[in-house]
Full PDB file with SEQRES, HELIX, SHEET, SSBOND, CRYST1, ORIGX, SCALE, CONECT and MASTER records, all heavy atoms in Angstrom:
SEQRES   1 A   35  ALA ARG THR CYS SER GLN ASP PHE THR PHE ALA PRO THR          
SEQRES   2 A   35  GLY GLN ASP CYS GLY LEU LEU VAL ILE PRO ASP GLU GLY          
SEQRES   3 A   35  LYS ALA TRP GLY PRO MET TYR VAL ALA                          
SHEET    1 AA1 2 LEU A  19  VAL A  21  0                                        
SHEET    2 AA1 2 MET A  32  VAL A  34 -1                                        
CRYST1    1.000    1.000    1.000  90.00  90.00  90.00 P 1           1          
ORIGX1      1.000000  0.000000  0.000000        0.00000                         
ORIGX2      0.000000  1.000000  0.000000        0.00000                         
ORIGX3      0.000000  0.000000  1.000000        0.00000                         
SCALE1      1.000000  0.000000  0.000000        0.00000                         
SCALE2      0.000000  1.000000  0.000000        0.00000                         
SCALE3      0.000000  0.000000  1.000000        0.00000                         
ATOM      1  N   ALA A   1      34.819  35.606 -11.344  1.00  0.00           N  
ATOM      2  CA  ALA A   1      34.377  34.614 -10.358  1.00  0.00           C  
ATOM      3  C   ALA A   1      35.346  33.422 -10.321  1.00  0.00           C  
ATOM      4  O   ALA A   1      35.708  32.942  -9.259  1.00  0.00           O  
ATOM      5  CB  ALA A   1      32.975  34.128 -10.660  1.00  0.00           C  
ATOM      6  N   ARG A   2      35.772  32.992 -11.499  1.00  0.00           N  
ATOM      7  CA  ARG A   2      36.714  31.856 -11.556  1.00  0.00           C  
ATOM      8  C   ARG A   2      38.024  32.200 -10.869  1.00  0.00           C  
ATOM      9  O   ARG A   2      38.580  31.406 -10.096  1.00  0.00           O  
ATOM     10  CB  ARG A   2      36.963  31.458 -13.014  1.00  0.00           C  
ATOM     11  CG  ARG A   2      35.843  30.643 -13.625  1.00  0.00           C  
ATOM     12  CD  ARG A   2      36.264  29.999 -14.956  1.00  0.00           C  
ATOM     13  NE  ARG A   2      36.389  30.999 -16.017  1.00  0.00           N  
ATOM     14  CZ  ARG A   2      35.392  31.334 -16.835  1.00  0.00           C  
ATOM     15  NH1 ARG A   2      34.213  30.737 -16.703  1.00  0.00           N  
ATOM     16  NH2 ARG A   2      35.561  32.232 -17.763  1.00  0.00           N  
ATOM     17  N   THR A   3      38.518  33.405 -11.101  1.00  0.00           N  
ATOM     18  CA  THR A   3      39.783  33.819 -10.536  1.00  0.00           C  
ATOM     19  C   THR A   3      39.721  34.009  -9.038  1.00  0.00           C  
ATOM     20  O   THR A   3      40.699  33.763  -8.329  1.00  0.00           O  
ATOM     21  CB  THR A   3      40.271  35.124 -11.211  1.00  0.00           C  
ATOM     22  OG1 THR A   3      40.270  34.959 -12.614  1.00  0.00           O  
ATOM     23  CG2 THR A   3      41.655  35.492 -10.756  1.00  0.00           C  
ATOM     24  N   CYS A   4      38.557  34.451  -8.546  1.00  0.00           N  
ATOM     25  CA  CYS A   4      38.419  34.799  -7.127  1.00  0.00           C  
ATOM     26  C   CYS A   4      37.833  33.691  -6.260  1.00  0.00           C  
ATOM     27  O   CYS A   4      37.516  33.890  -5.093  1.00  0.00           O  
ATOM     28  CB  CYS A   4      37.519  36.032  -6.991  1.00  0.00           C  
ATOM     29  SG  CYS A   4      38.182  37.491  -7.776  1.00  0.00           S  
ATOM     30  N   SER A   5      37.620  32.490  -6.835  1.00  0.00           N  
ATOM     31  CA  SER A   5      36.952  31.425  -6.077  1.00  0.00           C  
ATOM     32  C   SER A   5      37.713  30.968  -4.871  1.00  0.00           C  
ATOM     33  O   SER A   5      37.161  30.391  -3.948  1.00  0.00           O  
ATOM     34  CB  SER A   5      36.681  30.235  -7.015  1.00  0.00           C  
ATOM     35  OG  SER A   5      37.900  29.742  -7.554  1.00  0.00           O  
ATOM     36  N   GLN A   6      39.013  31.263  -4.829  1.00  0.00           N  
ATOM     37  CA  GLN A   6      39.823  30.887  -3.661  1.00  0.00           C  
ATOM     38  C   GLN A   6      39.425  31.696  -2.429  1.00  0.00           C  
ATOM     39  O   GLN A   6      39.477  31.217  -1.302  1.00  0.00           O  
ATOM     40  CB  GLN A   6      41.293  31.147  -3.970  1.00  0.00           C  
ATOM     41  CG  GLN A   6      42.260  30.775  -2.830  1.00  0.00           C  
ATOM     42  CD  GLN A   6      43.719  31.029  -3.232  1.00  0.00           C  
ATOM     43  OE1 GLN A   6      44.034  31.072  -4.402  1.00  0.00           O  
ATOM     44  NE2 GLN A   6      44.585  31.158  -2.259  1.00  0.00           N  
ATOM     45  N   ASP A   7      39.011  32.945  -2.670  1.00  0.00           N  
ATOM     46  CA  ASP A   7      38.684  33.827  -1.545  1.00  0.00           C  
ATOM     47  C   ASP A   7      37.184  34.053  -1.320  1.00  0.00           C  
ATOM     48  O   ASP A   7      36.761  34.505  -0.252  1.00  0.00           O  
ATOM     49  CB  ASP A   7      39.339  35.194  -1.769  1.00  0.00           C  
ATOM     50  CG  ASP A   7      40.852  35.137  -1.659  1.00  0.00           C  
ATOM     51  OD1 ASP A   7      41.346  34.554  -0.670  1.00  0.00           O  
ATOM     52  OD2 ASP A   7      41.537  35.645  -2.556  1.00  0.00           O  
ATOM     53  N   PHE A   8      36.337  33.767  -2.349  1.00  0.00           N  
ATOM     54  CA  PHE A   8      34.901  34.050  -2.264  1.00  0.00           C  
ATOM     55  C   PHE A   8      34.086  32.851  -2.655  1.00  0.00           C  
ATOM     56  O   PHE A   8      34.527  32.014  -3.476  1.00  0.00           O  
ATOM     57  CB  PHE A   8      34.533  35.236  -3.172  1.00  0.00           C  
ATOM     58  CG  PHE A   8      35.237  36.529  -2.866  1.00  0.00           C  
ATOM     59  CD1 PHE A   8      36.251  36.981  -3.681  1.00  0.00           C  
ATOM     60  CD2 PHE A   8      34.873  37.266  -1.775  1.00  0.00           C  
ATOM     61  CE1 PHE A   8      36.924  38.154  -3.418  1.00  0.00           C  
ATOM     62  CE2 PHE A   8      35.524  38.459  -1.478  1.00  0.00           C  
ATOM     63  CZ  PHE A   8      36.540  38.911  -2.285  1.00  0.00           C  
ATOM     64  N   THR A   9      32.875  32.781  -2.119  1.00  0.00           N  
ATOM     65  CA  THR A   9      31.884  31.793  -2.545  1.00  0.00           C  
ATOM     66  C   THR A   9      30.841  32.510  -3.386  1.00  0.00           C  
ATOM     67  O   THR A   9      30.267  33.532  -2.953  1.00  0.00           O  
ATOM     68  CB  THR A   9      31.225  31.093  -1.345  1.00  0.00           C  
ATOM     69  OG1 THR A   9      32.216  30.377  -0.612  1.00  0.00           O  
ATOM     70  CG2 THR A   9      30.154  30.115  -1.810  1.00  0.00           C  
ATOM     71  N   PHE A  10      30.582  31.990  -4.580  1.00  0.00           N  
ATOM     72  CA  PHE A  10      29.641  32.646  -5.485  1.00  0.00           C  
ATOM     73  C   PHE A  10      28.385  31.790  -5.657  1.00  0.00           C  
ATOM     74  O   PHE A  10      28.471  30.549  -5.701  1.00  0.00           O  
ATOM     75  CB  PHE A  10      30.270  32.840  -6.875  1.00  0.00           C  
ATOM     76  CG  PHE A  10      31.378  33.838  -6.882  1.00  0.00           C  
ATOM     77  CD1 PHE A  10      32.704  33.442  -6.709  1.00  0.00           C  
ATOM     78  CD2 PHE A  10      31.133  35.211  -7.058  1.00  0.00           C  
ATOM     79  CE1 PHE A  10      33.757  34.348  -6.710  1.00  0.00           C  
ATOM     80  CE2 PHE A  10      32.165  36.129  -7.070  1.00  0.00           C  
ATOM     81  CZ  PHE A  10      33.468  35.686  -6.895  1.00  0.00           C  
ATOM     82  N   ALA A  11      27.240  32.420  -5.719  1.00  0.00           N  
ATOM     83  CA  ALA A  11      25.976  31.755  -6.008  1.00  0.00           C  
ATOM     84  C   ALA A  11      25.626  32.023  -7.489  1.00  0.00           C  
ATOM     85  O   ALA A  11      25.978  33.074  -8.012  1.00  0.00           O  
ATOM     86  CB  ALA A  11      24.856  32.270  -5.127  1.00  0.00           C  
ATOM     87  N   PRO A  12      24.962  31.097  -8.142  1.00  0.00           N  
ATOM     88  CA  PRO A  12      24.576  31.336  -9.551  1.00  0.00           C  
ATOM     89  C   PRO A  12      23.600  32.508  -9.667  1.00  0.00           C  
ATOM     90  O   PRO A  12      22.729  32.685  -8.817  1.00  0.00           O  
ATOM     91  CB  PRO A  12      23.942  30.020  -9.977  1.00  0.00           C  
ATOM     92  CG  PRO A  12      23.573  29.325  -8.719  1.00  0.00           C  
ATOM     93  CD  PRO A  12      24.529  29.769  -7.672  1.00  0.00           C  
ATOM     94  N   THR A  13      23.779  33.295 -10.715  1.00  0.00           N  
ATOM     95  CA  THR A  13      22.877  34.434 -10.940  1.00  0.00           C  
ATOM     96  C   THR A  13      22.031  34.258 -12.219  1.00  0.00           C  
ATOM     97  O   THR A  13      21.058  34.971 -12.419  1.00  0.00           O  
ATOM     98  CB  THR A  13      23.642  35.748 -11.096  1.00  0.00           C  
ATOM     99  OG1 THR A  13      24.532  35.639 -12.230  1.00  0.00           O  
ATOM    100  CG2 THR A  13      24.463  36.057  -9.841  1.00  0.00           C  
ATOM    101  N   GLY A  14      22.470  33.301 -13.095  1.00  0.00           N  
ATOM    102  CA  GLY A  14      21.790  33.155 -14.376  1.00  0.00           C  
ATOM    103  C   GLY A  14      22.158  34.248 -15.358  1.00  0.00           C  
ATOM    104  O   GLY A  14      21.530  34.401 -16.398  1.00  0.00           O  
ATOM    105  N   GLN A  15      23.198  35.048 -15.018  1.00  0.00           N  
ATOM    106  CA  GLN A  15      23.616  36.142 -15.883  1.00  0.00           C  
ATOM    107  C   GLN A  15      25.134  36.087 -16.076  1.00  0.00           C  
ATOM    108  O   GLN A  15      25.874  36.005 -15.080  1.00  0.00           O  
ATOM    109  CB  GLN A  15      23.271  37.501 -15.254  1.00  0.00           C  
ATOM    110  CG  GLN A  15      21.786  37.757 -15.077  1.00  0.00           C  
ATOM    111  CD  GLN A  15      21.557  39.042 -14.259  1.00  0.00           C  
ATOM    112  OE1 GLN A  15      22.248  39.290 -13.278  1.00  0.00           O  
ATOM    113  NE2 GLN A  15      20.573  39.816 -14.666  1.00  0.00           N  
ATOM    114  N   ASP A  16      25.610  36.189 -17.284  1.00  0.00           N  
ATOM    115  CA  ASP A  16      27.049  36.253 -17.536  1.00  0.00           C  
ATOM    116  C   ASP A  16      27.620  37.577 -17.037  1.00  0.00           C  
ATOM    117  O   ASP A  16      28.810  37.673 -16.706  1.00  0.00           O  
ATOM    118  CB  ASP A  16      27.368  36.075 -19.008  1.00  0.00           C  
ATOM    119  CG  ASP A  16      27.100  34.658 -19.494  1.00  0.00           C  
ATOM    120  OD1 ASP A  16      27.011  33.755 -18.653  1.00  0.00           O  
ATOM    121  OD2 ASP A  16      26.969  34.476 -20.729  1.00  0.00           O  
ATOM    122  N   CYS A  17      26.780  38.610 -17.024  1.00  0.00           N  
ATOM    123  CA  CYS A  17      27.256  39.954 -16.627  1.00  0.00           C  
ATOM    124  C   CYS A  17      27.133  40.195 -15.139  1.00  0.00           C  
ATOM    125  O   CYS A  17      27.491  41.283 -14.641  1.00  0.00           O  
ATOM    126  CB  CYS A  17      26.478  41.027 -17.385  1.00  0.00           C  
ATOM    127  SG  CYS A  17      24.727  41.135 -16.940  1.00  0.00           S  
ATOM    128  N   GLY A  18      26.632  39.224 -14.364  1.00  0.00           N  
ATOM    129  CA  GLY A  18      26.400  39.430 -12.934  1.00  0.00           C  
ATOM    130  C   GLY A  18      27.004  38.354 -12.048  1.00  0.00           C  
ATOM    131  O   GLY A  18      27.006  37.161 -12.401  1.00  0.00           O  
ATOM    132  N   LEU A  19      27.554  38.776 -10.887  1.00  0.00           N  
ATOM    133  CA  LEU A  19      28.087  37.885  -9.890  1.00  0.00           C  
ATOM    134  C   LEU A  19      27.393  38.107  -8.568  1.00  0.00           C  
ATOM    135  O   LEU A  19      26.966  39.244  -8.262  1.00  0.00           O  
ATOM    136  CB  LEU A  19      29.580  38.155  -9.670  1.00  0.00           C  
ATOM    137  CG  LEU A  19      30.539  38.096 -10.853  1.00  0.00           C  
ATOM    138  CD1 LEU A  19      31.935  38.499 -10.372  1.00  0.00           C  
ATOM    139  CD2 LEU A  19      30.566  36.703 -11.440  1.00  0.00           C  
ATOM    140  N   LEU A  20      27.283  37.091  -7.748  1.00  0.00           N  
ATOM    141  CA  LEU A  20      26.714  37.223  -6.398  1.00  0.00           C  
ATOM    142  C   LEU A  20      27.602  36.499  -5.419  1.00  0.00           C  
ATOM    143  O   LEU A  20      27.702  35.259  -5.431  1.00  0.00           O  
ATOM    144  CB  LEU A  20      25.299  36.696  -6.329  1.00  0.00           C  
ATOM    145  CG  LEU A  20      24.600  36.729  -4.974  1.00  0.00           C  
ATOM    146  CD1 LEU A  20      24.462  38.170  -4.479  1.00  0.00           C  
ATOM    147  CD2 LEU A  20      23.229  36.060  -5.025  1.00  0.00           C  
ATOM    148  N   VAL A  21      28.281  37.261  -4.543  1.00  0.00           N  
ATOM    149  CA  VAL A  21      29.079  36.686  -3.474  1.00  0.00           C  
ATOM    150  C   VAL A  21      28.170  36.418  -2.276  1.00  0.00           C  
ATOM    151  O   VAL A  21      27.413  37.303  -1.871  1.00  0.00           O  
ATOM    152  CB  VAL A  21      30.205  37.643  -3.037  1.00  0.00           C  
ATOM    153  CG1 VAL A  21      31.030  37.063  -1.886  1.00  0.00           C  
ATOM    154  CG2 VAL A  21      31.109  37.956  -4.210  1.00  0.00           C  
ATOM    155  N   ILE A  22      28.241  35.205  -1.745  1.00  0.00           N  
ATOM    156  CA  ILE A  22      27.447  34.856  -0.565  1.00  0.00           C  
ATOM    157  C   ILE A  22      28.347  34.437   0.578  1.00  0.00           C  
ATOM    158  O   ILE A  22      29.412  33.825   0.349  1.00  0.00           O  
ATOM    159  CB  ILE A  22      26.412  33.750  -0.847  1.00  0.00           C  
ATOM    160  CG1 ILE A  22      27.123  32.474  -1.358  1.00  0.00           C  
ATOM    161  CG2 ILE A  22      25.377  34.224  -1.876  1.00  0.00           C  
ATOM    162  CD1 ILE A  22      26.191  31.259  -1.458  1.00  0.00           C  
ATOM    163  N   PRO A  23      28.029  34.830   1.834  1.00  0.00           N  
ATOM    164  CA  PRO A  23      28.863  34.457   2.955  1.00  0.00           C  
ATOM    165  C   PRO A  23      28.914  32.965   3.159  1.00  0.00           C  
ATOM    166  O   PRO A  23      27.926  32.254   3.011  1.00  0.00           O  
ATOM    167  CB  PRO A  23      28.151  35.136   4.150  1.00  0.00           C  
ATOM    168  CG  PRO A  23      27.272  36.189   3.553  1.00  0.00           C  
ATOM    169  CD  PRO A  23      26.866  35.647   2.205  1.00  0.00           C  
ATOM    170  N   ASP A  24      30.099  32.485   3.474  1.00  0.00           N  
ATOM    171  CA  ASP A  24      30.343  31.044   3.687  1.00  0.00           C  
ATOM    172  C   ASP A  24      31.336  30.889   4.838  1.00  0.00           C  
ATOM    173  O   ASP A  24      32.032  31.841   5.169  1.00  0.00           O  
ATOM    174  CB  ASP A  24      30.904  30.441   2.386  1.00  0.00           C  
ATOM    175  CG  ASP A  24      30.792  28.920   2.338  1.00  0.00           C  
ATOM    176  OD1 ASP A  24      30.260  28.325   3.296  1.00  0.00           O  
ATOM    177  OD2 ASP A  24      31.228  28.332   1.342  1.00  0.00           O  
ATOM    178  N   GLU A  25      31.390  29.710   5.401  1.00  0.00           N  
ATOM    179  CA  GLU A  25      32.324  29.490   6.513  1.00  0.00           C  
ATOM    180  C   GLU A  25      33.759  29.627   6.010  1.00  0.00           C  
ATOM    181  O   GLU A  25      34.164  29.020   5.011  1.00  0.00           O  
ATOM    182  CB  GLU A  25      32.127  28.088   7.074  1.00  0.00           C  
ATOM    183  CG  GLU A  25      32.896  27.857   8.388  1.00  0.00           C  
ATOM    184  CD  GLU A  25      32.538  26.536   9.040  1.00  0.00           C  
ATOM    185  OE1 GLU A  25      32.068  25.625   8.324  1.00  0.00           O  
ATOM    186  OE2 GLU A  25      32.783  26.389  10.251  1.00  0.00           O  
ATOM    187  N   GLY A  26      34.525  30.488   6.684  1.00  0.00           N  
ATOM    188  CA  GLY A  26      35.913  30.726   6.269  1.00  0.00           C  
ATOM    189  C   GLY A  26      36.041  31.716   5.120  1.00  0.00           C  
ATOM    190  O   GLY A  26      37.115  32.165   4.789  1.00  0.00           O  
ATOM    191  N   LYS A  27      34.915  32.066   4.514  1.00  0.00           N  
ATOM    192  CA  LYS A  27      34.868  33.085   3.441  1.00  0.00           C  
ATOM    193  C   LYS A  27      33.633  33.935   3.690  1.00  0.00           C  
ATOM    194  O   LYS A  27      32.680  33.993   2.902  1.00  0.00           O  
ATOM    195  CB  LYS A  27      34.759  32.431   2.062  1.00  0.00           C  
ATOM    196  CG  LYS A  27      35.900  31.482   1.710  1.00  0.00           C  
ATOM    197  CD  LYS A  27      35.612  30.861   0.332  1.00  0.00           C  
ATOM    198  CE  LYS A  27      36.649  29.857  -0.102  1.00  0.00           C  
ATOM    199  NZ  LYS A  27      36.370  29.272  -1.445  1.00  0.00           N  
ATOM    200  N   ALA A  28      33.639  34.601   4.838  1.00  0.00           N  
ATOM    201  CA  ALA A  28      32.434  35.296   5.316  1.00  0.00           C  
ATOM    202  C   ALA A  28      32.246  36.675   4.674  1.00  0.00           C  
ATOM    203  O   ALA A  28      31.876  37.623   5.338  1.00  0.00           O  
ATOM    204  CB  ALA A  28      32.496  35.423   6.827  1.00  0.00           C  
ATOM    205  N   TRP A  29      32.469  36.732   3.360  1.00  0.00           N  
ATOM    206  CA  TRP A  29      32.336  37.995   2.623  1.00  0.00           C  
ATOM    207  C   TRP A  29      30.977  38.078   1.946  1.00  0.00           C  
ATOM    208  O   TRP A  29      30.398  37.074   1.555  1.00  0.00           O  
ATOM    209  CB  TRP A  29      33.436  38.101   1.566  1.00  0.00           C  
ATOM    210  CG  TRP A  29      34.793  37.777   2.097  1.00  0.00           C  
ATOM    211  CD1 TRP A  29      35.565  36.700   1.740  1.00  0.00           C  
ATOM    212  CD2 TRP A  29      35.536  38.484   3.079  1.00  0.00           C  
ATOM    213  NE1 TRP A  29      36.743  36.712   2.433  1.00  0.00           N  
ATOM    214  CE2 TRP A  29      36.766  37.811   3.261  1.00  0.00           C  
ATOM    215  CE3 TRP A  29      35.303  39.661   3.809  1.00  0.00           C  
ATOM    216  CZ2 TRP A  29      37.745  38.237   4.167  1.00  0.00           C  
ATOM    217  CZ3 TRP A  29      36.281  40.102   4.704  1.00  0.00           C  
ATOM    218  CH2 TRP A  29      37.482  39.399   4.870  1.00  0.00           C  
ATOM    219  N   GLY A  30      30.490  39.278   1.764  1.00  0.00           N  
ATOM    220  CA  GLY A  30      29.234  39.477   1.115  1.00  0.00           C  
ATOM    221  C   GLY A  30      28.104  39.641   2.137  1.00  0.00           C  
ATOM    222  O   GLY A  30      28.372  39.758   3.333  1.00  0.00           O  
ATOM    223  N   PRO A  31      26.841  39.632   1.669  1.00  0.00           N  
ATOM    224  CA  PRO A  31      26.424  39.504   0.266  1.00  0.00           C  
ATOM    225  C   PRO A  31      26.919  40.688  -0.561  1.00  0.00           C  
ATOM    226  O   PRO A  31      26.970  41.802  -0.064  1.00  0.00           O  
ATOM    227  CB  PRO A  31      24.884  39.477   0.336  1.00  0.00           C  
ATOM    228  CG  PRO A  31      24.541  39.286   1.798  1.00  0.00           C  
ATOM    229  CD  PRO A  31      25.675  39.799   2.574  1.00  0.00           C  
ATOM    230  N   MET A  32      27.214  40.403  -1.823  1.00  0.00           N  
ATOM    231  CA  MET A  32      27.592  41.436  -2.752  1.00  0.00           C  
ATOM    232  C   MET A  32      27.237  41.025  -4.180  1.00  0.00           C  
ATOM    233  O   MET A  32      27.747  40.017  -4.661  1.00  0.00           O  
ATOM    234  CB  MET A  32      29.115  41.749  -2.651  1.00  0.00           C  
ATOM    235  CG  MET A  32      29.605  42.829  -3.599  1.00  0.00           C  
ATOM    236  SD  MET A  32      28.894  44.490  -3.359  1.00  0.00           S  
ATOM    237  CE  MET A  32      29.363  44.818  -1.667  1.00  0.00           C  
ATOM    238  N   TYR A  33      26.341  41.783  -4.795  1.00  0.00           N  
ATOM    239  CA  TYR A  33      25.976  41.550  -6.185  1.00  0.00           C  
ATOM    240  C   TYR A  33      26.702  42.598  -7.034  1.00  0.00           C  
ATOM    241  O   TYR A  33      26.778  43.780  -6.674  1.00  0.00           O  
ATOM    242  CB  TYR A  33      24.475  41.672  -6.378  1.00  0.00           C  
ATOM    243  CG  TYR A  33      24.024  41.584  -7.819  1.00  0.00           C  
ATOM    244  CD1 TYR A  33      23.969  40.340  -8.477  1.00  0.00           C  
ATOM    245  CD2 TYR A  33      23.664  42.721  -8.513  1.00  0.00           C  
ATOM    246  CE1 TYR A  33      23.557  40.250  -9.784  1.00  0.00           C  
ATOM    247  CE2 TYR A  33      23.250  42.655  -9.855  1.00  0.00           C  
ATOM    248  CZ  TYR A  33      23.217  41.421 -10.477  1.00  0.00           C  
ATOM    249  OH  TYR A  33      22.810  41.337 -11.803  1.00  0.00           O  
ATOM    250  N   VAL A  34      27.271  42.136  -8.156  1.00  0.00           N  
ATOM    251  CA  VAL A  34      27.998  43.012  -9.043  1.00  0.00           C  
ATOM    252  C   VAL A  34      27.569  42.715 -10.494  1.00  0.00           C  
ATOM    253  O   VAL A  34      27.542  41.565 -10.897  1.00  0.00           O  
ATOM    254  CB  VAL A  34      29.539  42.805  -8.969  1.00  0.00           C  
ATOM    255  CG1 VAL A  34      30.280  43.803  -9.838  1.00  0.00           C  
ATOM    256  CG2 VAL A  34      30.017  42.879  -7.537  1.00  0.00           C  
ATOM    257  N   ALA A  35      27.208  43.758 -11.215  1.00  0.00           N  
ATOM    258  CA  ALA A  35      26.829  43.582 -12.638  1.00  0.00           C  
ATOM    259  C   ALA A  35      27.610  44.649 -13.457  1.00  0.00           C  
ATOM    260  O   ALA A  35      27.789  45.769 -12.979  1.00  0.00           O  
ATOM    261  CB  ALA A  35      25.357  43.723 -12.862  1.00  0.00           C  
TER     262      ALA A  35                                                      
MASTER        0    0    0    0    2    0    0    6  261    1    0    3          
END                                                                             
């Protein structure tokens, strides 16, 4: 998540093993949850 923050917007998941990409203006990717 830290490395990809330039291209994606992440929402908190409360899990170190999980990421959640949420669509944002200019970064309209996702939703995508990855664990």
